[in-house]
Amino acid sequence: MAQQITLTPDEIKHLALLANLFISDEEIDKYQVQFAETIAYVENLDELDTELVTPTSHSVPLENVYFADGTKNEKGLSQAQAISNTKKIKNGCFVVGRIM
C-alpha cells in the first residue's frame, strides 16, 4: 500500500484561491481529510490492468463540423429568413435595445 498523501494547509488555501472559495481554518482541516480520502481513492486506479484499453481524448465521438471547400452550407438561413420575424430592422440587421 502506498503512503497516504496529505495536502498541507497552504496547498488547501491555494486550491481554494484557485476555485475562488473563501474557507475558514476549521474547513481547512476538514478538506485535508477529504482530499486525502479522494486522492487515495483515485490512486486505486493504478491497480487496474489497462493494457488492452484504447486511450481516448474525449468521452464522446467528435465529428468535423466544417464544410469541404466549395460546398454550400444548406443548413444556414439567408439574411432575409433570419430577419423575417423581427420587429426592428435597420440596414438589413437586427436592432436591439441598449443594455447600459
N, C-alpha and C. Protein backbone atom coordinates (compact mmCIF):
# COMPACT_ATOMS: atom_id res chain seq x y z
N MET A 1 0.85 -1.19 0.00
CA MET A 1 0.00 0.00 0.00
C MET A 1 0.89 1.24 0.00
N ALA A 2 0.54 2.20 -0.81
CA ALA A 2 1.34 3.42 -0.94
C ALA A 2 1.10 4.35 0.25
N GLN A 3 2.05 5.24 0.44
CA GLN A 3 1.94 6.21 1.52
C GLN A 3 0.79 7.17 1.21
N GLN A 4 -0.03 7.47 2.23
CA GLN A 4 -1.17 8.35 2.03
C GLN A 4 -0.68 9.78 1.84
N ILE A 5 -1.20 10.43 0.81
CA ILE A 5 -0.82 11.81 0.51
C ILE A 5 -1.76 12.75 1.27
N THR A 6 -1.20 13.67 2.01
CA THR A 6 -1.98 14.68 2.72
C THR A 6 -1.52 16.05 2.25
N LEU A 7 -2.45 16.86 1.88
CA LEU A 7 -2.12 18.21 1.44
C LEU A 7 -1.89 19.11 2.65
N THR A 8 -0.97 20.04 2.51
CA THR A 8 -0.68 20.98 3.59
C THR A 8 -1.77 22.05 3.63
N PRO A 9 -1.89 22.75 4.77
CA PRO A 9 -2.87 23.84 4.83
C PRO A 9 -2.63 24.90 3.74
N ASP A 10 -1.36 25.16 3.42
CA ASP A 10 -1.09 26.14 2.36
C ASP A 10 -1.58 25.65 1.01
N GLU A 11 -1.46 24.34 0.75
CA GLU A 11 -1.96 23.79 -0.51
C GLU A 11 -3.48 23.86 -0.58
N ILE A 12 -4.13 23.61 0.55
CA ILE A 12 -5.59 23.71 0.61
C ILE A 12 -6.01 25.16 0.35
N LYS A 13 -5.32 26.11 0.96
CA LYS A 13 -5.64 27.53 0.75
C LYS A 13 -5.42 27.91 -0.71
N HIS A 14 -4.37 27.38 -1.32
CA HIS A 14 -4.09 27.66 -2.72
C HIS A 14 -5.19 27.11 -3.63
N LEU A 15 -5.63 25.89 -3.36
CA LEU A 15 -6.73 25.30 -4.13
C LEU A 15 -8.01 26.13 -3.97
N ALA A 16 -8.27 26.57 -2.75
CA ALA A 16 -9.45 27.40 -2.51
C ALA A 16 -9.35 28.71 -3.28
N LEU A 17 -8.16 29.29 -3.30
CA LEU A 17 -7.96 30.52 -4.05
C LEU A 17 -8.20 30.30 -5.54
N LEU A 18 -7.69 29.18 -6.08
CA LEU A 18 -7.90 28.87 -7.49
C LEU A 18 -9.38 28.67 -7.81
N ALA A 19 -10.13 28.13 -6.85
CA ALA A 19 -11.56 27.90 -7.03
C ALA A 19 -12.39 29.11 -6.62
N ASN A 20 -11.71 30.18 -6.21
CA ASN A 20 -12.37 31.41 -5.77
C ASN A 20 -13.32 31.13 -4.60
N LEU A 21 -12.83 30.31 -3.65
CA LEU A 21 -13.59 29.99 -2.45
C LEU A 21 -12.91 30.58 -1.23
N PHE A 22 -13.70 31.02 -0.30
CA PHE A 22 -13.17 31.53 0.96
C PHE A 22 -13.46 30.49 2.02
N ILE A 23 -12.42 29.96 2.66
CA ILE A 23 -12.61 28.90 3.63
C ILE A 23 -11.98 29.28 4.96
N SER A 24 -12.58 28.78 6.04
CA SER A 24 -12.09 29.06 7.38
C SER A 24 -11.02 28.03 7.76
N ASP A 25 -10.37 28.25 8.89
CA ASP A 25 -9.34 27.32 9.37
C ASP A 25 -9.95 25.95 9.70
N GLU A 26 -11.18 25.94 10.22
CA GLU A 26 -11.84 24.67 10.51
C GLU A 26 -12.11 23.89 9.23
N GLU A 27 -12.47 24.62 8.19
CA GLU A 27 -12.74 23.97 6.91
C GLU A 27 -11.44 23.41 6.29
N ILE A 28 -10.33 24.07 6.54
CA ILE A 28 -9.05 23.58 6.03
C ILE A 28 -8.77 22.19 6.57
N ASP A 29 -9.00 22.00 7.88
CA ASP A 29 -8.80 20.68 8.49
C ASP A 29 -9.72 19.64 7.86
N LYS A 30 -10.97 20.02 7.66
CA LYS A 30 -11.95 19.10 7.07
C LYS A 30 -11.55 18.74 5.64
N TYR A 31 -11.11 19.74 4.87
CA TYR A 31 -10.73 19.48 3.47
C TYR A 31 -9.44 18.68 3.37
N GLN A 32 -8.54 18.82 4.33
CA GLN A 32 -7.33 17.99 4.32
C GLN A 32 -7.69 16.51 4.36
N VAL A 33 -8.62 16.17 5.24
CA VAL A 33 -9.06 14.78 5.37
C VAL A 33 -9.77 14.34 4.09
N GLN A 34 -10.67 15.19 3.58
CA GLN A 34 -11.45 14.81 2.40
C GLN A 34 -10.56 14.66 1.16
N PHE A 35 -9.60 15.56 0.99
CA PHE A 35 -8.70 15.45 -0.16
C PHE A 35 -7.84 14.19 -0.04
N ALA A 36 -7.38 13.87 1.15
CA ALA A 36 -6.56 12.67 1.34
C ALA A 36 -7.37 11.42 0.97
N GLU A 37 -8.64 11.38 1.38
CA GLU A 37 -9.51 10.25 1.04
C GLU A 37 -9.73 10.18 -0.47
N THR A 38 -9.94 11.33 -1.10
CA THR A 38 -10.18 11.36 -2.55
C THR A 38 -8.95 10.91 -3.32
N ILE A 39 -7.79 11.41 -2.93
CA ILE A 39 -6.55 11.03 -3.61
C ILE A 39 -6.29 9.54 -3.44
N ALA A 40 -6.53 9.01 -2.24
CA ALA A 40 -6.34 7.57 -2.00
C ALA A 40 -7.29 6.75 -2.88
N TYR A 41 -8.51 7.22 -3.02
CA TYR A 41 -9.49 6.51 -3.85
C TYR A 41 -9.06 6.51 -5.31
N VAL A 42 -8.60 7.65 -5.80
CA VAL A 42 -8.18 7.74 -7.20
C VAL A 42 -6.92 6.91 -7.43
N GLU A 43 -6.05 6.83 -6.45
CA GLU A 43 -4.84 6.02 -6.59
C GLU A 43 -5.16 4.54 -6.75
N ASN A 44 -6.36 4.11 -6.36
CA ASN A 44 -6.77 2.73 -6.57
C ASN A 44 -6.79 2.38 -8.06
N LEU A 45 -6.96 3.37 -8.90
CA LEU A 45 -6.99 3.13 -10.34
C LEU A 45 -5.66 2.61 -10.85
N ASP A 46 -4.57 2.89 -10.14
CA ASP A 46 -3.25 2.38 -10.54
C ASP A 46 -3.20 0.86 -10.50
N GLU A 47 -4.07 0.25 -9.73
CA GLU A 47 -4.07 -1.20 -9.60
C GLU A 47 -4.77 -1.89 -10.76
N LEU A 48 -5.51 -1.15 -11.56
CA LEU A 48 -6.25 -1.75 -12.68
C LEU A 48 -5.32 -2.06 -13.84
N ASP A 49 -5.60 -3.16 -14.51
CA ASP A 49 -4.85 -3.52 -15.71
C ASP A 49 -5.50 -2.82 -16.90
N THR A 50 -4.82 -1.83 -17.43
CA THR A 50 -5.36 -1.06 -18.56
C THR A 50 -4.59 -1.32 -19.84
N GLU A 51 -3.87 -2.43 -19.87
CA GLU A 51 -3.03 -2.77 -21.02
C GLU A 51 -3.82 -2.81 -22.32
N LEU A 52 -5.02 -3.36 -22.30
CA LEU A 52 -5.80 -3.54 -23.53
C LEU A 52 -6.83 -2.43 -23.76
N VAL A 53 -6.83 -1.41 -22.93
CA VAL A 53 -7.78 -0.31 -23.07
C VAL A 53 -7.22 0.72 -24.03
N THR A 54 -8.01 1.07 -25.03
CA THR A 54 -7.59 2.05 -26.03
C THR A 54 -7.63 3.44 -25.41
N PRO A 55 -6.54 4.19 -25.51
CA PRO A 55 -6.55 5.55 -24.97
C PRO A 55 -7.56 6.44 -25.71
N THR A 56 -8.20 7.31 -24.97
CA THR A 56 -9.15 8.25 -25.57
C THR A 56 -8.83 9.66 -25.12
N SER A 57 -9.25 10.62 -25.92
CA SER A 57 -9.07 12.01 -25.52
C SER A 57 -10.41 12.68 -25.26
N HIS A 58 -11.51 12.03 -25.68
CA HIS A 58 -12.85 12.58 -25.47
C HIS A 58 -13.79 11.45 -25.07
N SER A 59 -14.80 11.79 -24.33
CA SER A 59 -15.75 10.77 -23.88
C SER A 59 -16.81 10.46 -24.93
N VAL A 60 -16.97 11.35 -25.91
CA VAL A 60 -17.93 11.13 -27.00
C VAL A 60 -17.21 11.30 -28.32
N PRO A 61 -17.66 10.61 -29.36
CA PRO A 61 -17.00 10.77 -30.65
C PRO A 61 -17.23 12.19 -31.21
N LEU A 62 -16.20 12.72 -31.82
CA LEU A 62 -16.29 14.05 -32.40
C LEU A 62 -16.44 13.96 -33.91
N GLU A 63 -17.16 14.92 -34.46
CA GLU A 63 -17.34 14.97 -35.90
C GLU A 63 -16.79 16.29 -36.41
N ASN A 64 -16.30 16.29 -37.62
CA ASN A 64 -15.86 17.51 -38.25
C ASN A 64 -17.10 18.28 -38.69
N VAL A 65 -17.30 19.47 -38.17
CA VAL A 65 -18.49 20.25 -38.47
C VAL A 65 -18.27 21.25 -39.60
N TYR A 66 -17.08 21.25 -40.17
CA TYR A 66 -16.78 22.18 -41.24
C TYR A 66 -17.16 21.58 -42.59
N PHE A 67 -17.39 22.46 -43.55
CA PHE A 67 -17.74 22.03 -44.89
C PHE A 67 -16.48 21.98 -45.75
N ALA A 68 -16.46 21.06 -46.67
CA ALA A 68 -15.34 20.99 -47.61
C ALA A 68 -15.34 22.25 -48.47
N ASP A 69 -14.18 22.64 -48.92
CA ASP A 69 -14.07 23.83 -49.76
C ASP A 69 -14.95 23.68 -50.99
N GLY A 70 -15.69 24.72 -51.29
CA GLY A 70 -16.52 24.74 -52.48
C GLY A 70 -17.92 24.23 -52.28
N THR A 71 -18.23 23.62 -51.13
CA THR A 71 -19.59 23.14 -50.90
C THR A 71 -20.42 24.24 -50.26
N LYS A 72 -21.71 24.17 -50.46
CA LYS A 72 -22.62 25.19 -49.95
C LYS A 72 -23.24 24.73 -48.63
N ASN A 73 -23.35 25.65 -47.69
CA ASN A 73 -23.98 25.37 -46.41
C ASN A 73 -25.49 25.42 -46.61
N GLU A 74 -26.12 24.26 -46.64
CA GLU A 74 -27.57 24.18 -46.85
C GLU A 74 -28.34 24.33 -45.53
N LYS A 75 -27.63 24.28 -44.40
CA LYS A 75 -28.30 24.33 -43.10
C LYS A 75 -28.53 25.75 -42.62
N GLY A 76 -27.80 26.71 -43.14
CA GLY A 76 -27.90 28.08 -42.67
C GLY A 76 -29.10 28.81 -43.23
N LEU A 77 -29.42 29.93 -42.60
CA LEU A 77 -30.52 30.78 -43.07
C LEU A 77 -29.97 31.91 -43.93
N SER A 78 -30.79 32.32 -44.88
CA SER A 78 -30.42 33.52 -45.63
C SER A 78 -30.66 34.72 -44.72
N GLN A 79 -30.14 35.87 -45.10
CA GLN A 79 -30.35 37.06 -44.28
C GLN A 79 -31.83 37.39 -44.19
N ALA A 80 -32.55 37.25 -45.29
CA ALA A 80 -33.99 37.54 -45.29
C ALA A 80 -34.73 36.60 -44.35
N GLN A 81 -34.37 35.32 -44.35
CA GLN A 81 -35.01 34.36 -43.45
C GLN A 81 -34.69 34.69 -41.99
N ALA A 82 -33.47 35.08 -41.73
CA ALA A 82 -33.05 35.35 -40.36
C ALA A 82 -33.78 36.54 -39.76
N ILE A 83 -34.02 37.56 -40.54
CA ILE A 83 -34.67 38.77 -40.01
C ILE A 83 -36.17 38.81 -40.27
N SER A 84 -36.72 37.73 -40.80
CA SER A 84 -38.14 37.74 -41.19
C SER A 84 -39.09 37.89 -40.01
N ASN A 85 -38.74 37.48 -38.81
CA ASN A 85 -39.67 37.54 -37.67
C ASN A 85 -39.30 38.61 -36.66
N THR A 86 -38.41 39.50 -37.00
CA THR A 86 -38.02 40.54 -36.04
C THR A 86 -38.89 41.77 -36.22
N LYS A 87 -39.02 42.54 -35.16
CA LYS A 87 -39.84 43.75 -35.21
C LYS A 87 -39.06 44.94 -35.73
N LYS A 88 -37.76 45.01 -35.37
CA LYS A 88 -36.97 46.18 -35.75
C LYS A 88 -35.79 45.75 -36.62
N ILE A 89 -35.70 46.38 -37.79
CA ILE A 89 -34.62 46.10 -38.74
C ILE A 89 -34.04 47.44 -39.19
N LYS A 90 -32.70 47.49 -39.28
CA LYS A 90 -32.04 48.67 -39.81
C LYS A 90 -30.89 48.21 -40.69
N ASN A 91 -30.89 48.60 -41.93
CA ASN A 91 -29.85 48.22 -42.88
C ASN A 91 -29.68 46.71 -42.97
N GLY A 92 -30.78 45.97 -42.88
CA GLY A 92 -30.73 44.52 -43.00
C GLY A 92 -30.23 43.80 -41.76
N CYS A 93 -30.15 44.50 -40.62
CA CYS A 93 -29.66 43.89 -39.38
C CYS A 93 -30.69 44.01 -38.28
N PHE A 94 -30.56 43.17 -37.28
CA PHE A 94 -31.41 43.27 -36.09
C PHE A 94 -31.13 44.56 -35.34
N VAL A 95 -32.17 45.17 -34.78
CA VAL A 95 -32.00 46.32 -33.90
C VAL A 95 -32.42 45.87 -32.51
N VAL A 96 -31.52 46.04 -31.55
CA VAL A 96 -31.81 45.64 -30.17
C VAL A 96 -31.67 46.84 -29.26
N GLY A 97 -32.31 46.76 -28.10
CA GLY A 97 -32.24 47.85 -27.13
C GLY A 97 -30.87 47.95 -26.49
N ARG A 98 -30.53 49.14 -26.05
CA ARG A 98 -29.27 49.37 -25.38
C ARG A 98 -29.28 48.69 -24.02
N ILE A 99 -28.18 48.07 -23.64
CA ILE A 99 -28.10 47.37 -22.37
C ILE A 99 -27.71 48.32 -21.26
N MET A 100 -26.72 49.15 -21.52
CA MET A 100 -26.25 50.07 -20.48
C MET A 100 -26.49 51.49 -20.88
